Protein backbone atom coordinates (compact mmCIF):
# COMPACT_ATOMS: atom_id res chain seq x y z
CA MET A 1 90.19 154.22 179.79
CA LEU A 2 89.89 157.70 178.25
CA ALA A 3 90.27 160.95 180.13
CA ALA A 4 90.03 164.46 178.69
CA ARG A 5 91.15 167.33 180.89
CA ASP A 6 90.51 170.98 180.00
CA LEU A 7 90.92 170.33 176.27
CA THR A 8 91.21 173.53 174.28
CA LYS A 9 91.96 173.74 170.57
CA GLU A 10 92.66 177.09 168.93
CA TYR A 11 93.61 178.12 165.41
CA GLN A 12 95.09 181.36 164.17
CA SER A 13 92.57 183.36 162.15
CA GLY A 14 94.12 186.56 160.86
CA THR A 15 95.29 188.51 163.87
CA SER A 16 93.07 186.64 166.36
CA ARG A 17 92.80 183.14 167.79
CA LEU A 18 89.71 181.05 167.02
CA ALA A 19 88.75 178.55 169.76
CA VAL A 20 87.14 175.42 168.30
CA LEU A 21 87.11 173.61 171.66
CA ARG A 22 87.17 175.22 175.09
CA GLU A 23 88.10 173.44 178.35
CA VAL A 24 86.37 170.13 177.56
CA SER A 25 86.69 167.55 180.34
CA PHE A 26 85.20 164.08 180.87
CA ASP A 27 86.11 160.45 181.66
CA ILE A 28 85.02 157.42 179.63
CA PRO A 29 85.50 154.03 181.34
CA GLN A 30 86.52 150.81 179.62
CA GLY A 31 83.62 149.12 177.83
CA ALA A 32 81.41 152.21 177.58
CA PHE A 33 79.41 153.12 174.46
CA VAL A 34 79.38 156.92 174.16
CA ALA A 35 77.93 159.25 171.53
CA ILE A 36 79.32 162.76 171.05
CA VAL A 37 76.69 164.92 169.38
CA GLY A 38 76.22 168.49 168.27
CA PRO A 39 75.47 170.60 165.21
CA SER A 40 77.95 171.18 162.39
CA GLY A 41 80.79 173.37 163.63
CA SER A 42 80.34 172.43 167.28
CA GLY A 43 83.80 170.83 167.50
CA LYS A 44 82.84 167.14 167.40
CA THR A 45 85.34 165.98 164.77
CA THR A 46 88.10 168.14 166.27
CA LEU A 47 87.45 166.52 169.64
CA LEU A 48 87.55 163.03 168.12
CA GLY A 49 90.93 163.78 166.53
CA LEU A 50 92.33 164.92 169.88
CA LEU A 51 90.96 161.87 171.73
CA ALA A 52 92.57 159.56 169.16
CA GLY A 53 95.90 161.39 169.21
CA LEU A 54 95.60 162.41 165.55
CA ASP A 55 96.09 166.02 166.66
CA LEU A 56 97.32 167.74 169.82
CA PRO A 57 95.39 170.30 171.89
CA SER A 58 96.46 173.89 172.34
CA ARG A 59 95.98 173.28 176.06
CA GLY A 60 94.83 170.37 178.18
CA THR A 61 95.58 166.64 178.12
CA VAL A 62 94.20 163.34 176.85
CA SER A 63 95.00 160.07 178.58
CA LEU A 64 94.24 156.93 176.53
CA ASP A 65 94.51 153.66 178.43
CA GLY A 66 96.89 155.31 180.87
CA ALA A 67 99.12 156.96 178.26
CA ASP A 68 99.37 160.78 178.20
CA LEU A 69 99.18 161.55 174.48
CA SER A 70 100.65 165.03 174.89
CA ARG A 71 103.89 163.50 176.20
CA MET A 72 104.32 161.23 173.17
CA ASP A 73 105.75 162.04 169.75
CA GLU A 74 103.84 161.19 166.57
CA ASP A 75 105.59 157.84 166.12
CA ALA A 76 104.67 156.78 169.64
CA ARG A 77 101.07 157.91 169.19
CA ALA A 78 100.85 156.02 165.89
CA LYS A 79 102.19 152.88 167.58
CA LEU A 80 99.60 153.24 170.35
CA ARG A 81 96.80 153.64 167.79
CA GLY A 82 97.99 150.57 165.91
CA GLU A 83 97.92 148.50 169.08
CA LYS A 84 94.80 149.75 170.83
CA VAL A 85 92.59 151.86 168.55
CA GLY A 86 90.11 151.06 165.77
CA PHE A 87 88.51 153.59 163.39
CA ILE A 88 85.28 153.69 161.39
CA PHE A 89 84.80 156.51 158.89
CA GLN A 90 81.71 157.98 157.26
CA SER A 91 83.20 157.30 153.81
CA PHE A 92 84.01 153.64 154.70
CA GLN A 93 87.66 153.94 153.48
CA LEU A 94 87.72 150.43 152.00
CA ILE A 95 90.43 149.51 149.50
CA PRO A 96 88.50 149.18 146.20
CA THR A 97 90.81 146.56 144.67
CA LEU A 98 90.46 144.17 147.62
CA THR A 99 87.55 141.91 148.49
CA ALA A 100 85.62 142.24 151.75
CA MET A 101 87.71 139.43 153.21
CA GLU A 102 90.98 141.01 152.10
CA ASN A 103 89.98 144.43 153.46
CA VAL A 104 89.41 142.92 156.91
CA GLN A 105 92.64 140.90 156.70
CA VAL A 106 94.86 143.93 156.00
CA PRO A 107 95.34 145.14 159.62
CA LEU A 108 95.85 141.56 160.80
CA GLU A 109 98.50 140.84 158.18
CA LEU A 110 100.28 144.11 158.97
CA ARG A 111 100.63 142.82 162.52
CA GLY A 112 101.85 139.44 161.28
CA GLU A 113 98.98 137.43 162.77
CA GLY A 114 98.85 133.88 161.46
CA ASP A 115 95.08 133.42 161.72
CA ALA A 116 94.20 136.49 159.62
CA GLU A 117 91.87 134.66 157.22
CA ALA A 118 90.00 132.79 159.94
CA ARG A 119 89.62 135.95 162.05
CA ALA A 120 88.40 137.96 159.05
CA ARG A 121 85.89 135.29 158.07
CA ASP A 122 84.55 135.08 161.61
CA LEU A 123 84.10 138.86 161.87
CA LEU A 124 82.37 139.12 158.49
CA THR A 125 80.01 136.33 159.53
CA ARG A 126 79.25 138.15 162.79
CA VAL A 127 78.30 141.31 160.89
CA GLY A 128 76.06 139.32 158.57
CA LEU A 129 78.34 139.14 155.53
CA GLY A 130 79.51 135.55 155.65
CA ASP A 131 78.19 135.03 152.13
CA ARG A 132 79.78 138.22 150.74
CA THR A 133 83.43 137.65 151.61
CA ASP A 134 84.61 137.51 148.00
CA HIS A 135 82.75 140.63 146.87
CA PHE A 136 84.55 143.88 146.08
CA PRO A 137 83.36 147.18 147.63
CA ASN A 138 81.63 148.30 144.41
CA GLN A 139 79.56 145.10 144.56
CA LEU A 140 78.26 145.93 148.03
CA SER A 141 75.59 148.37 149.21
CA GLY A 142 76.50 151.31 151.43
CA GLY A 143 75.30 149.47 154.51
CA GLU A 144 77.29 146.38 153.57
CA GLN A 145 80.43 148.43 152.99
CA GLN A 146 80.04 150.00 156.42
CA ARG A 147 79.68 146.54 157.96
CA VAL A 148 82.95 145.50 156.29
CA ALA A 149 84.53 148.65 157.76
CA ILE A 150 83.21 147.70 161.21
CA ALA A 151 84.60 144.17 160.90
CA ARG A 152 87.97 145.64 159.87
CA ALA A 153 87.92 148.06 162.82
CA PHE A 154 87.38 145.20 165.28
CA ALA A 155 89.96 142.92 163.59
CA ASN A 156 92.84 143.92 165.88
CA ARG A 157 90.68 143.56 169.00
CA PRO A 158 91.04 147.27 169.86
CA ARG A 159 90.66 148.56 173.38
CA ILE A 160 88.78 151.57 172.00
CA LEU A 161 86.98 152.25 168.74
CA PHE A 162 86.29 155.72 167.31
CA ALA A 163 83.57 156.20 164.69
CA ASP A 164 83.23 159.52 162.84
CA GLU A 165 79.67 159.95 161.50
CA PRO A 166 79.47 156.18 160.78
CA THR A 167 75.90 156.47 159.46
CA GLY A 168 76.27 159.77 157.60
CA ASN A 169 76.16 158.19 154.12
CA LEU A 170 73.37 155.75 154.94
CA ASP A 171 69.58 155.97 154.98
CA GLY A 172 67.82 156.09 158.35
CA SER A 173 66.90 152.41 158.69
CA THR A 174 70.34 151.21 157.57
CA GLY A 175 71.99 153.70 159.89
CA ALA A 176 69.96 152.42 162.83
CA ARG A 177 71.08 148.84 162.06
CA ILE A 178 74.72 149.97 161.96
CA VAL A 179 74.46 151.62 165.39
CA ALA A 180 72.70 148.53 166.78
CA LEU A 181 75.54 146.40 165.41
CA LEU A 182 78.13 148.64 167.08
CA ASP A 183 76.20 148.31 170.34
CA GLU A 184 76.15 144.53 169.99
CA LEU A 185 79.88 144.30 169.26
CA ASN A 186 80.61 146.70 172.12
CA ARG A 187 78.79 144.40 174.53
CA GLU A 188 80.43 141.26 173.15
CA SER A 189 84.02 142.50 172.91
CA GLY A 190 84.19 144.89 175.86
CA ALA A 191 85.83 147.51 173.65
CA THR A 192 85.07 151.14 174.41
CA VAL A 193 83.10 152.71 171.54
CA VAL A 194 82.99 156.48 170.94
CA ILE A 195 80.87 157.69 168.02
CA VAL A 196 80.53 161.22 166.68
CA THR A 197 77.18 161.93 165.07
CA HIS A 198 74.79 164.78 164.36
CA ASP A 199 71.82 162.37 164.54
CA LEU A 200 70.31 162.58 168.03
CA THR A 201 67.95 159.67 167.37
CA LEU A 202 70.83 157.31 166.60
CA ALA A 203 72.84 158.70 169.51
CA GLU A 204 70.16 157.53 171.93
CA HIS A 205 71.30 153.94 171.26
CA ALA A 206 74.46 154.78 173.21
CA GLN A 207 74.74 154.36 176.97
CA ARG A 208 75.82 157.98 177.32
CA VAL A 209 75.41 161.14 175.25
CA ILE A 210 77.83 164.09 175.41
CA ARG A 211 76.53 167.16 173.58
CA LEU A 212 78.76 169.95 172.30
CA LYS A 213 77.78 173.45 171.29
CA ASP A 214 80.26 176.10 170.17
CA GLY A 215 83.15 173.99 171.42
CA VAL A 216 81.79 173.51 174.95
CA VAL A 217 80.15 170.51 176.62
CA VAL A 218 76.58 171.64 177.32
CA GLU A 219 75.12 168.26 178.30
CA ASP A 220 76.43 164.91 179.56
CA ARG A 221 73.71 162.36 180.27
CA ALA A 222 72.67 158.74 179.99
CA GLY A 223 71.28 157.52 176.67
CA GLN A 224 68.21 155.34 176.27
CA SER A 225 69.95 152.04 175.46
């Protein structure tokens, strides 16, 4: 499903080159639930951007569902993301002027799907917000907003879902519930889930934990889920 080969990402810093990632390689099969962990500055978010085709590596390749991202232009990568990728962000990224229902409907309507309302309602019910569909983001708690974001991310039935610090703005107990919900939806939908987090306790809910340090994979092991 997802294959990284010798990924290296460098930036120019004055007269020298700064390596944020160095020769990172791994395979993630379809349906896996993987956590990428490491301290601030370890390269986690940079790696996530490369895996999703939001940026290109200085060297190395990423293959997403059989497509070599380095051989595609930005328009082609954007089309691939629209068809196969879902995103969950730490800051939720909900549209404040739309209700929970409308936020989840947006990606479905952009694709012209006729059952957008029914699909959105079903997803919000599955994440425990069936009675909050008409509420605006500022009427929801942080945990509820993140659940709306999760429902929106799964709306297009993505093959793979990327989550960047999805519990970073939540308290510990709410964060744990969010990760458990991602695990549940991963098992139900068969979508690959890749989360980036600095919280090792939450990461243990994943089937597999990849740990970065100074831009290098220093550990790749099974989680405790």
